[in-house]
Amino acid sequence: MSKVNISTDGFLVDAEIVGSAFNLPPANVPAKLRAREITSRCETGVDDDAGRWRLTFYSGGQALRLIVDEAGTILSRSTFPAHAPSASPIDLASLSAN
């Protein structure tokens, strides 16, 4: 699959793509997603990147990043060491300018 399916429900990425990035059999990917052993983040492109999305999957200290266009075509794919971002609340007071 060289494309990501995009619908009103979100993005559908083939388990083969995710599994190969993390050295997992594709059949294991759905269970690892449900167990939150694989997590993901979706970011929408703005300005020059409008019409593109960055889909990042995290597992075991590694990340898979896909850049896709509005047709779902994978424009780039990369893997690199990374940990999933924290899901804890952000202290907005710590972000205020002094």
PDB file of N, CA and C in Angstrom:
ATOM      1  N   MET A   1       0.849  -1.181   0.000  1.00  0.00           N
ATOM      2  CA  MET A   1       0.000   0.000   0.000  1.00  0.00           C
ATOM      3  C   MET A   1       0.886   1.233   0.000  1.00  0.00           C
ATOM      4  N   SER A   2       0.783   2.038  -1.014  1.00  0.00           N
ATOM      5  CA  SER A   2       1.567   3.268  -1.072  1.00  0.00           C
ATOM      6  C   SER A   2       0.701   4.469  -0.747  1.00  0.00           C
ATOM      7  N   LYS A   3      -0.506   4.172  -0.296  1.00  0.00           N
ATOM      8  CA  LYS A   3      -1.421   5.257   0.034  1.00  0.00           C
ATOM      9  C   LYS A   3      -2.013   5.028   1.421  1.00  0.00           C
ATOM     10  N   VAL A   4      -2.476   6.111   1.980  1.00  0.00           N
ATOM     11  CA  VAL A   4      -3.213   6.086   3.236  1.00  0.00           C
ATOM     12  C   VAL A   4      -4.647   6.441   2.882  1.00  0.00           C
ATOM     13  N   ASN A   5      -5.591   5.675   3.377  1.00  0.00           N
ATOM     14  CA  ASN A   5      -6.996   5.999   3.114  1.00  0.00           C
ATOM     15  C   ASN A   5      -7.453   7.074   4.084  1.00  0.00           C
ATOM     16  N   ILE A   6      -8.081   8.101   3.543  1.00  0.00           N
ATOM     17  CA  ILE A   6      -8.569   9.220   4.342  1.00  0.00           C
ATOM     18  C   ILE A   6     -10.079   9.268   4.220  1.00  0.00           C
ATOM     19  N   SER A   7     -10.766   9.349   5.372  1.00  0.00           N
ATOM     20  CA  SER A   7     -12.223   9.462   5.377  1.00  0.00           C
ATOM     21  C   SER A   7     -12.629  10.457   6.452  1.00  0.00           C
ATOM     22  N   THR A   8     -13.916  10.650   6.589  1.00  0.00           N
ATOM     23  CA  THR A   8     -14.399  11.553   7.638  1.00  0.00           C
ATOM     24  C   THR A   8     -14.102  10.997   9.031  1.00  0.00           C
ATOM     25  N   ASP A   9     -13.817   9.704   9.127  1.00  0.00           N
ATOM     26  CA  ASP A   9     -13.475   9.084  10.409  1.00  0.00           C
ATOM     27  C   ASP A   9     -11.994   9.204  10.745  1.00  0.00           C
ATOM     28  N   GLY A  10     -11.175   9.628   9.783  1.00  0.00           N
ATOM     29  CA  GLY A  10      -9.753   9.773  10.041  1.00  0.00           C
ATOM     30  C   GLY A  10      -8.913   9.098   8.987  1.00  0.00           C
ATOM     31  N   PHE A  11      -7.746   8.613   9.388  1.00  0.00           N
ATOM     32  CA  PHE A  11      -6.768   8.020   8.492  1.00  0.00           C
ATOM     33  C   PHE A  11      -6.690   6.517   8.741  1.00  0.00           C
ATOM     34  N   LEU A  12      -6.536   5.750   7.681  1.00  0.00           N
ATOM     35  CA  LEU A  12      -6.361   4.308   7.777  1.00  0.00           C
ATOM     36  C   LEU A  12      -5.026   3.963   7.123  1.00  0.00           C
ATOM     37  N   VAL A  13      -4.086   3.528   7.965  1.00  0.00           N
ATOM     38  CA  VAL A  13      -2.742   3.177   7.505  1.00  0.00           C
ATOM     39  C   VAL A  13      -2.623   1.661   7.566  1.00  0.00           C
ATOM     40  N   ASP A  14      -2.165   1.062   6.491  1.00  0.00           N
ATOM     41  CA  ASP A  14      -2.023  -0.393   6.419  1.00  0.00           C
ATOM     42  C   ASP A  14      -1.094  -0.883   7.528  1.00  0.00           C
ATOM     43  N   ALA A  15      -1.486  -1.960   8.198  1.00  0.00           N
ATOM     44  CA  ALA A  15      -0.680  -2.538   9.275  1.00  0.00           C
ATOM     45  C   ALA A  15       0.683  -2.997   8.775  1.00  0.00           C
ATOM     46  N   GLU A  16       0.803  -3.306   7.501  1.00  0.00           N
ATOM     47  CA  GLU A  16       2.092  -3.698   6.915  1.00  0.00           C
ATOM     48  C   GLU A  16       3.103  -2.551   7.025  1.00  0.00           C
ATOM     49  N   ILE A  17       2.649  -1.330   6.786  1.00  0.00           N
ATOM     50  CA  ILE A  17       3.527  -0.157   6.853  1.00  0.00           C
ATOM     51  C   ILE A  17       3.999   0.065   8.285  1.00  0.00           C
ATOM     52  N   VAL A  18       3.064   0.024   9.221  1.00  0.00           N
ATOM     53  CA  VAL A  18       3.399   0.255  10.631  1.00  0.00           C
ATOM     54  C   VAL A  18       4.233  -0.903  11.172  1.00  0.00           C
ATOM     55  N   GLY A  19       3.815  -2.119  10.883  1.00  0.00           N
ATOM     56  CA  GLY A  19       4.533  -3.290  11.381  1.00  0.00           C
ATOM     57  C   GLY A  19       5.969  -3.348  10.889  1.00  0.00           C
ATOM     58  N   SER A  20       6.181  -3.043   9.611  1.00  0.00           N
ATOM     59  CA  SER A  20       7.544  -3.116   9.079  1.00  0.00           C
ATOM     60  C   SER A  20       8.456  -2.089   9.739  1.00  0.00           C
ATOM     61  N   ALA A  21       7.917  -0.948  10.125  1.00  0.00           N
ATOM     62  CA  ALA A  21       8.731   0.085  10.785  1.00  0.00           C
ATOM     63  C   ALA A  21       9.188  -0.353  12.170  1.00  0.00           C
ATOM     64  N   PHE A  22       8.373  -1.183  12.839  1.00  0.00           N
ATOM     65  CA  PHE A  22       8.684  -1.599  14.206  1.00  0.00           C
ATOM     66  C   PHE A  22       9.062  -3.083  14.303  1.00  0.00           C
ATOM     67  N   ASN A  23       9.386  -3.700  13.156  1.00  0.00           N
ATOM     68  CA  ASN A  23       9.752  -5.124  13.120  1.00  0.00           C
ATOM     69  C   ASN A  23       8.693  -6.005  13.768  1.00  0.00           C
ATOM     70  N   LEU A  24       7.445  -5.749  13.426  1.00  0.00           N
ATOM     71  CA  LEU A  24       6.316  -6.522  13.942  1.00  0.00           C
ATOM     72  C   LEU A  24       5.556  -7.161  12.791  1.00  0.00           C
ATOM     73  N   PRO A  25       4.999  -8.350  13.015  1.00  0.00           N
ATOM     74  CA  PRO A  25       4.091  -8.893  12.007  1.00  0.00           C
ATOM     75  C   PRO A  25       2.866  -7.979  11.905  1.00  0.00           C
ATOM     76  N   PRO A  26       2.389  -7.699  10.701  1.00  0.00           N
ATOM     77  CA  PRO A  26       1.218  -6.823  10.551  1.00  0.00           C
ATOM     78  C   PRO A  26       0.021  -7.266  11.397  1.00  0.00           C
ATOM     79  N   ALA A  27      -0.134  -8.558  11.591  1.00  0.00           N
ATOM     80  CA  ALA A  27      -1.264  -9.065  12.373  1.00  0.00           C
ATOM     81  C   ALA A  27      -1.202  -8.631  13.839  1.00  0.00           C
ATOM     82  N   ASN A  28      -0.021  -8.274  14.339  1.00  0.00           N
ATOM     83  CA  ASN A  28       0.128  -7.846  15.740  1.00  0.00           C
ATOM     84  C   ASN A  28      -0.170  -6.363  15.951  1.00  0.00           C
ATOM     85  N   VAL A  29      -0.187  -5.584  14.881  1.00  0.00           N
ATOM     86  CA  VAL A  29      -0.344  -4.133  15.002  1.00  0.00           C
ATOM     87  C   VAL A  29      -1.665  -3.728  15.643  1.00  0.00           C
ATOM     88  N   PRO A  30      -2.828  -4.248  15.227  1.00  0.00           N
ATOM     89  CA  PRO A  30      -4.082  -3.799  15.857  1.00  0.00           C
ATOM     90  C   PRO A  30      -4.117  -4.022  17.376  1.00  0.00           C
ATOM     91  N   ALA A  31      -3.643  -5.169  17.843  1.00  0.00           N
ATOM     92  CA  ALA A  31      -3.643  -5.446  19.285  1.00  0.00           C
ATOM     93  C   ALA A  31      -2.712  -4.490  20.018  1.00  0.00           C
ATOM     94  N   LYS A  32      -1.563  -4.174  19.427  1.00  0.00           N
ATOM     95  CA  LYS A  32      -0.631  -3.240  20.066  1.00  0.00           C
ATOM     96  C   LYS A  32      -1.196  -1.823  20.098  1.00  0.00           C
ATOM     97  N   LEU A  33      -1.971  -1.452  19.089  1.00  0.00           N
ATOM     98  CA  LEU A  33      -2.654  -0.152  19.109  1.00  0.00           C
ATOM     99  C   LEU A  33      -3.693  -0.123  20.228  1.00  0.00           C
ATOM    100  N   ARG A  34      -4.483  -1.186  20.332  1.00  0.00           N
ATOM    101  CA  ARG A  34      -5.512  -1.237  21.396  1.00  0.00           C
ATOM    102  C   ARG A  34      -4.882  -1.203  22.781  1.00  0.00           C
ATOM    103  N   ALA A  35      -3.718  -1.851  22.934  1.00  0.00           N
ATOM    104  CA  ALA A  35      -3.023  -1.893  24.227  1.00  0.00           C
ATOM    105  C   ALA A  35      -2.206  -0.632  24.481  1.00  0.00           C
ATOM    106  N   ARG A  36      -2.216   0.305  23.528  1.00  0.00           N
ATOM    107  CA  ARG A  36      -1.465   1.551  23.596  1.00  0.00           C
ATOM    108  C   ARG A  36       0.048   1.315  23.642  1.00  0.00           C
ATOM    109  N   GLU A  37       0.483   0.180  23.092  1.00  0.00           N
ATOM    110  CA  GLU A  37       1.908  -0.083  22.936  1.00  0.00           C
ATOM    111  C   GLU A  37       2.426   0.584  21.664  1.00  0.00           C
ATOM    112  N   ILE A  38       1.509   0.896  20.762  1.00  0.00           N
ATOM    113  CA  ILE A  38       1.771   1.760  19.611  1.00  0.00           C
ATOM    114  C   ILE A  38       0.809   2.923  19.749  1.00  0.00           C
ATOM    115  N   THR A  39       1.323   4.130  19.732  1.00  0.00           N
ATOM    116  CA  THR A  39       0.474   5.315  19.796  1.00  0.00           C
ATOM    117  C   THR A  39       0.740   6.162  18.552  1.00  0.00           C
ATOM    118  N   SER A  40      -0.122   7.137  18.338  1.00  0.00           N
ATOM    119  CA  SER A  40       0.049   7.938  17.125  1.00  0.00           C
ATOM    120  C   SER A  40      -0.338   9.390  17.378  1.00  0.00           C
ATOM    121  N   ARG A  41       0.102  10.210  16.448  1.00  0.00           N
ATOM    122  CA  ARG A  41      -0.206  11.640  16.472  1.00  0.00           C
ATOM    123  C   ARG A  41      -0.400  12.076  15.029  1.00  0.00           C
ATOM    124  N   CYS A  42      -1.389  12.940  14.812  1.00  0.00           N
ATOM    125  CA  CYS A  42      -1.667  13.474  13.481  1.00  0.00           C
ATOM    126  C   CYS A  42      -1.571  14.988  13.550  1.00  0.00           C
ATOM    127  N   GLU A  43      -0.815  15.567  12.622  1.00  0.00           N
ATOM    128  CA  GLU A  43      -0.667  17.019  12.561  1.00  0.00           C
ATOM    129  C   GLU A  43      -1.026  17.492  11.159  1.00  0.00           C
ATOM    130  N   THR A  44      -1.809  18.557  11.093  1.00  0.00           N
ATOM    131  CA  THR A  44      -2.267  19.124   9.823  1.00  0.00           C
ATOM    132  C   THR A  44      -1.303  20.198   9.362  1.00  0.00           C
ATOM    133  N   GLY A  45      -0.920  20.135   8.088  1.00  0.00           N
ATOM    134  CA  GLY A  45      -0.017  21.126   7.525  1.00  0.00           C
ATOM    135  C   GLY A  45      -0.697  22.478   7.366  1.00  0.00           C
ATOM    136  N   VAL A  46       0.067  23.539   7.538  1.00  0.00           N
ATOM    137  CA  VAL A  46      -0.431  24.908   7.345  1.00  0.00           C
ATOM    138  C   VAL A  46       0.508  25.646   6.393  1.00  0.00           C
ATOM    139  N   ASP A  47       0.032  26.756   5.876  1.00  0.00           N
ATOM    140  CA  ASP A  47       0.805  27.595   4.952  1.00  0.00           C
ATOM    141  C   ASP A  47       1.327  26.762   3.782  1.00  0.00           C
ATOM    142  N   ASP A  48       2.647  26.687   3.598  1.00  0.00           N
ATOM    143  CA  ASP A  48       3.210  25.942   2.469  1.00  0.00           C
ATOM    144  C   ASP A  48       2.898  24.446   2.528  1.00  0.00           C
ATOM    145  N   ASP A  49       2.550  23.942   3.701  1.00  0.00           N
ATOM    146  CA  ASP A  49       2.246  22.522   3.868  1.00  0.00           C
ATOM    147  C   ASP A  49       0.748  22.228   3.886  1.00  0.00           C
ATOM    148  N   ALA A  50      -0.083  23.205   3.579  1.00  0.00           N
ATOM    149  CA  ALA A  50      -1.530  22.984   3.543  1.00  0.00           C
ATOM    150  C   ALA A  50      -1.841  21.857   2.570  1.00  0.00           C
ATOM    151  N   GLY A  51      -2.786  20.989   2.950  1.00  0.00           N
ATOM    152  CA  GLY A  51      -3.134  19.844   2.120  1.00  0.00           C
ATOM    153  C   GLY A  51      -2.265  18.624   2.384  1.00  0.00           C
ATOM    154  N   ARG A  52      -1.432  18.714   3.422  1.00  0.00           N
ATOM    155  CA  ARG A  52      -0.583  17.597   3.827  1.00  0.00           C
ATOM    156  C   ARG A  52      -0.802  17.315   5.308  1.00  0.00           C
ATOM    157  N   TRP A  53      -0.519  16.083   5.684  1.00  0.00           N
ATOM    158  CA  TRP A  53      -0.608  15.688   7.087  1.00  0.00           C
ATOM    159  C   TRP A  53       0.657  14.939   7.468  1.00  0.00           C
ATOM    160  N   ARG A  54       1.048  15.092   8.742  1.00  0.00           N
ATOM    161  CA  ARG A  54       2.179  14.340   9.295  1.00  0.00           C
ATOM    162  C   ARG A  54       1.592  13.349  10.278  1.00  0.00           C
ATOM    163  N   LEU A  55       1.719  12.068   9.966  1.00  0.00           N
ATOM    164  CA  LEU A  55       1.241  10.990  10.820  1.00  0.00           C
ATOM    165  C   LEU A  55       2.452  10.344  11.464  1.00  0.00           C
ATOM    166  N   THR A  56       2.505  10.351  12.786  1.00  0.00           N
ATOM    167  CA  THR A  56       3.653   9.795  13.493  1.00  0.00           C
ATOM    168  C   THR A  56       3.169   8.697  14.423  1.00  0.00           C
ATOM    169  N   PHE A  57       3.805   7.535  14.323  1.00  0.00           N
ATOM    170  CA  PHE A  57       3.509   6.388  15.180  1.00  0.00           C
ATOM    171  C   PHE A  57       4.712   6.160  16.079  1.00  0.00           C
ATOM    172  N   TYR A  58       4.458   5.799  17.340  1.00  0.00           N
ATOM    173  CA  TYR A  58       5.516   5.589  18.322  1.00  0.00           C
ATOM    174  C   TYR A  58       5.397   4.188  18.914  1.00  0.00           C
ATOM    175  N   SER A  59       6.533   3.521  19.076  1.00  0.00           N
ATOM    176  CA  SER A  59       6.553   2.215  19.736  1.00  0.00           C
ATOM    177  C   SER A  59       7.981   1.880  20.142  1.00  0.00           C
ATOM    178  N   GLY A  60       8.142   1.477  21.396  1.00  0.00           N
ATOM    179  CA  GLY A  60       9.428   0.973  21.873  1.00  0.00           C
ATOM    180  C   GLY A  60      10.624   1.862  21.619  1.00  0.00           C
ATOM    181  N   GLY A  61      10.484   3.161  21.792  1.00  0.00           N
ATOM    182  CA  GLY A  61      11.601   4.075  21.606  1.00  0.00           C
ATOM    183  C   GLY A  61      11.888   4.422  20.150  1.00  0.00           C
ATOM    184  N   GLN A  62      11.001   4.036  19.251  1.00  0.00           N
ATOM    185  CA  GLN A  62      11.144   4.332  17.833  1.00  0.00           C
ATOM    186  C   GLN A  62       9.911   5.080  17.343  1.00  0.00           C
ATOM    187  N   ALA A  63      10.069   5.797  16.245  1.00  0.00           N
ATOM    188  CA  ALA A  63       8.951   6.499  15.621  1.00  0.00           C
ATOM    189  C   ALA A  63       8.949   6.234  14.126  1.00  0.00           C
ATOM    190  N   LEU A  64       7.763   6.186  13.569  1.00  0.00           N
ATOM    191  CA  LEU A  64       7.550   6.134  12.129  1.00  0.00           C
ATOM    192  C   LEU A  64       6.811   7.404  11.771  1.00  0.00           C
ATOM    193  N   ARG A  65       7.339   8.165  10.826  1.00  0.00           N
ATOM    194  CA  ARG A  65       6.672   9.389  10.389  1.00  0.00           C
ATOM    195  C   ARG A  65       6.331   9.276   8.913  1.00  0.00           C
ATOM    196  N   LEU A  66       5.056   9.516   8.598  1.00  0.00           N
ATOM    197  CA  LEU A  66       4.576   9.540   7.226  1.00  0.00           C
ATOM    198  C   LEU A  66       4.061  10.932   6.919  1.00  0.00           C
ATOM    199  N   ILE A  67       4.441  11.479   5.791  1.00  0.00           N
ATOM    200  CA  ILE A  67       3.860  12.720   5.294  1.00  0.00           C
ATOM    201  C   ILE A  67       2.959  12.302   4.134  1.00  0.00           C
ATOM    202  N   VAL A  68       1.676  12.651   4.227  1.00  0.00           N
ATOM    203  CA  VAL A  68       0.723  12.264   3.189  1.00  0.00           C
ATOM    204  C   VAL A  68       0.028  13.499   2.634  1.00  0.00           C
ATOM    205  N   ASP A  69      -0.385  13.401   1.363  1.00  0.00           N
ATOM    206  CA  ASP A  69      -1.126  14.510   0.760  1.00  0.00           C
ATOM    207  C   ASP A  69      -2.625  14.232   0.840  1.00  0.00           C
ATOM    208  N   GLU A  70      -3.430  15.148   0.279  1.00  0.00           N
ATOM    209  CA  GLU A  70      -4.874  15.029   0.406  1.00  0.00           C
ATOM    210  C   GLU A  70      -5.455  13.839  -0.354  1.00  0.00           C
ATOM    211  N   ALA A  71      -4.681  13.241  -1.253  1.00  0.00           N
ATOM    212  CA  ALA A  71      -5.112  12.024  -1.947  1.00  0.00           C
ATOM    213  C   ALA A  71      -4.708  10.776  -1.157  1.00  0.00           C
ATOM    214  N   GLY A  72      -3.956  10.967  -0.074  1.00  0.00           N
ATOM    215  CA  GLY A  72      -3.493   9.850   0.731  1.00  0.00           C
ATOM    216  C   GLY A  72      -2.181   9.259   0.255  1.00  0.00           C
ATOM    217  N   THR A  73      -1.551   9.886  -0.722  1.00  0.00           N
ATOM    218  CA  THR A  73      -0.264   9.404  -1.223  1.00  0.00           C
ATOM    219  C   THR A  73       0.819   9.687  -0.190  1.00  0.00           C
ATOM    220  N   ILE A  74       1.622   8.691   0.105  1.00  0.00           N
ATOM    221  CA  ILE A  74       2.730   8.877   1.041  1.00  0.00           C
ATOM    222  C   ILE A  74       3.846   9.607   0.311  1.00  0.00           C
ATOM    223  N   LEU A  75       4.114  10.839   0.746  1.00  0.00           N
ATOM    224  CA  LEU A  75       5.150  11.667   0.131  1.00  0.00           C
ATOM    225  C   LEU A  75       6.527  11.386   0.715  1.00  0.00           C
ATOM    226  N   SER A  76       6.565  11.061   2.007  1.00  0.00           N
ATOM    227  CA  SER A  76       7.833  10.686   2.633  1.00  0.00           C
ATOM    228  C   SER A  76       7.558   9.767   3.808  1.00  0.00           C
ATOM    229  N   ARG A  77       8.577   8.989   4.098  1.00  0.00           N
ATOM    230  CA  ARG A  77       8.483   8.019   5.200  1.00  0.00           C
ATOM    231  C   ARG A  77       9.836   7.993   5.880  1.00  0.00           C
ATOM    232  N   SER A  78       9.842   8.069   7.215  1.00  0.00           N
ATOM    233  CA  SER A  78      11.103   7.997   7.945  1.00  0.00           C
ATOM    234  C   SER A  78      10.883   7.302   9.276  1.00  0.00           C
ATOM    235  N   THR A  79      11.935   6.697   9.780  1.00  0.00           N
ATOM    236  CA  THR A  79      11.931   6.114  11.121  1.00  0.00           C
ATOM    237  C   THR A  79      13.115   6.689  11.868  1.00  0.00           C
ATOM    238  N   PHE A  80      12.949   6.854  13.164  1.00  0.00           N
ATOM    239  CA  PHE A  80      14.006   7.450  13.976  1.00  0.00           C
ATOM    240  C   PHE A  80      13.747   7.157  15.442  1.00  0.00           C
ATOM    241  N   PRO A  81      14.787   7.246  16.285  1.00  0.00           N
ATOM    242  CA  PRO A  81      14.604   7.042  17.722  1.00  0.00           C
ATOM    243  C   PRO A  81      13.755   8.173  18.306  1.00  0.00           C
ATOM    244  N   ALA A  82      12.741   7.818  19.084  1.00  0.00           N
ATOM    245  CA  ALA A  82      11.888   8.825  19.734  1.00  0.00           C
ATOM    246  C   ALA A  82      10.950   8.132  20.702  1.00  0.00           C
ATOM    247  N   HIS A  83      10.551   8.860  21.707  1.00  0.00           N
ATOM    248  CA  HIS A  83       9.533   8.377  22.640  1.00  0.00           C
ATOM    249  C   HIS A  83       8.253   9.148  22.392  1.00  0.00           C
ATOM    250  N   ALA A  84       7.135   8.509  22.633  1.00  0.00           N
ATOM    251  CA  ALA A  84       5.838   9.154  22.450  1.00  0.00           C
ATOM    252  C   ALA A  84       5.760  10.398  23.326  1.00  0.00           C
ATOM    253  N   PRO A  85       5.122  11.445  22.814  1.00  0.00           N
ATOM    254  CA  PRO A  85       4.953  12.646  23.633  1.00  0.00           C
ATOM    255  C   PRO A  85       4.099  12.353  24.858  1.00  0.00           C
ATOM    256  N   SER A  86       4.331  13.082  25.889  1.00  0.00           N
ATOM    257  CA  SER A  86       3.569  12.923  27.126  1.00  0.00           C
ATOM    258  C   SER A  86       2.111  13.306  26.905  1.00  0.00           C
ATOM    259  N   ALA A  87       1.235  12.528  27.497  1.00  0.00           N
ATOM    260  CA  ALA A  87      -0.196  12.818  27.390  1.00  0.00           C
ATOM    261  C   ALA A  87      -0.691  13.588  28.611  1.00  0.00           C
ATOM    262  N   SER A  88       0.225  14.003  29.454  1.00  0.00           N
ATOM    263  CA  SER A  88      -0.184  14.714  30.658  1.00  0.00           C
ATOM    264  C   SER A  88      -0.599  16.145  30.324  1.00  0.00           C
ATOM    265  N   PRO A  89      -1.391  16.755  31.191  1.00  0.00           N
ATOM    266  CA  PRO A  89      -1.832  18.134  30.944  1.00  0.00           C
ATOM    267  C   PRO A  89      -0.656  19.105  30.895  1.00  0.00           C
ATOM    268  N   ILE A  90      -0.808  20.138  30.103  1.00  0.00           N
ATOM    269  CA  ILE A  90       0.207  21.170  29.984  1.00  0.00           C
ATOM    270  C   ILE A  90      -0.121  22.297  30.956  1.00  0.00           C
ATOM    271  N   ASP A  91       0.870  22.735  31.715  1.00  0.00           N
ATOM    272  CA  ASP A  91       0.701  23.869  32.614  1.00  0.00           C
ATOM    273  C   ASP A  91       0.818  25.143  31.790  1.00  0.00           C
ATOM    274  N   LEU A  92      -0.305  25.742  31.428  1.00  0.00           N
ATOM    275  CA  LEU A  92      -0.310  26.922  30.576  1.00  0.00           C
ATOM    276  C   LEU A  92       0.395  28.112  31.226  1.00  0.00           C
ATOM    277  N   ALA A  93       0.396  28.172  32.542  1.00  0.00           N
ATOM    278  CA  ALA A  93       1.061  29.272  33.232  1.00  0.00           C
ATOM    279  C   ALA A  93       2.570  29.249  32.965  1.00  0.00           C
ATOM    280  N   SER A  94       3.106  28.044  32.774  1.00  0.00           N
ATOM    281  CA  SER A  94       4.554  27.962  32.524  1.00  0.00           C
ATOM    282  C   SER A  94       4.923  28.423  31.131  1.00  0.00           C
ATOM    283  N   LEU A  95       3.927  28.559  30.241  1.00  0.00           N
ATOM    284  CA  LEU A  95       4.180  29.001  28.866  1.00  0.00           C
ATOM    285  C   LEU A  95       4.042  30.498  28.675  1.00  0.00           C
ATOM    286  N   SER A  96       3.556  31.203  29.696  1.00  0.00           N
ATOM    287  CA  SER A  96       3.313  32.641  29.545  1.00  0.00           C
ATOM    288  C   SER A  96       4.634  33.400  29.458  1.00  0.00           C
ATOM    289  N   ALA A  97       4.616  34.467  28.680  1.00  0.00           N
ATOM    290  CA  ALA A  97       5.812  35.302  28.516  1.00  0.00           C
ATOM    291  C   ALA A  97       6.074  36.090  29.786  1.00  0.00           C
ATOM    292  N   ASN A  98       7.322  36.275  30.105  1.00  0.00           N
ATOM    293  CA  ASN A  98       7.700  37.060  31.312  1.00  0.00           C
ATOM    294  C   ASN A  98       7.900  38.498  30.939  1.00  0.00           C
TER     295      ASN A  98
END
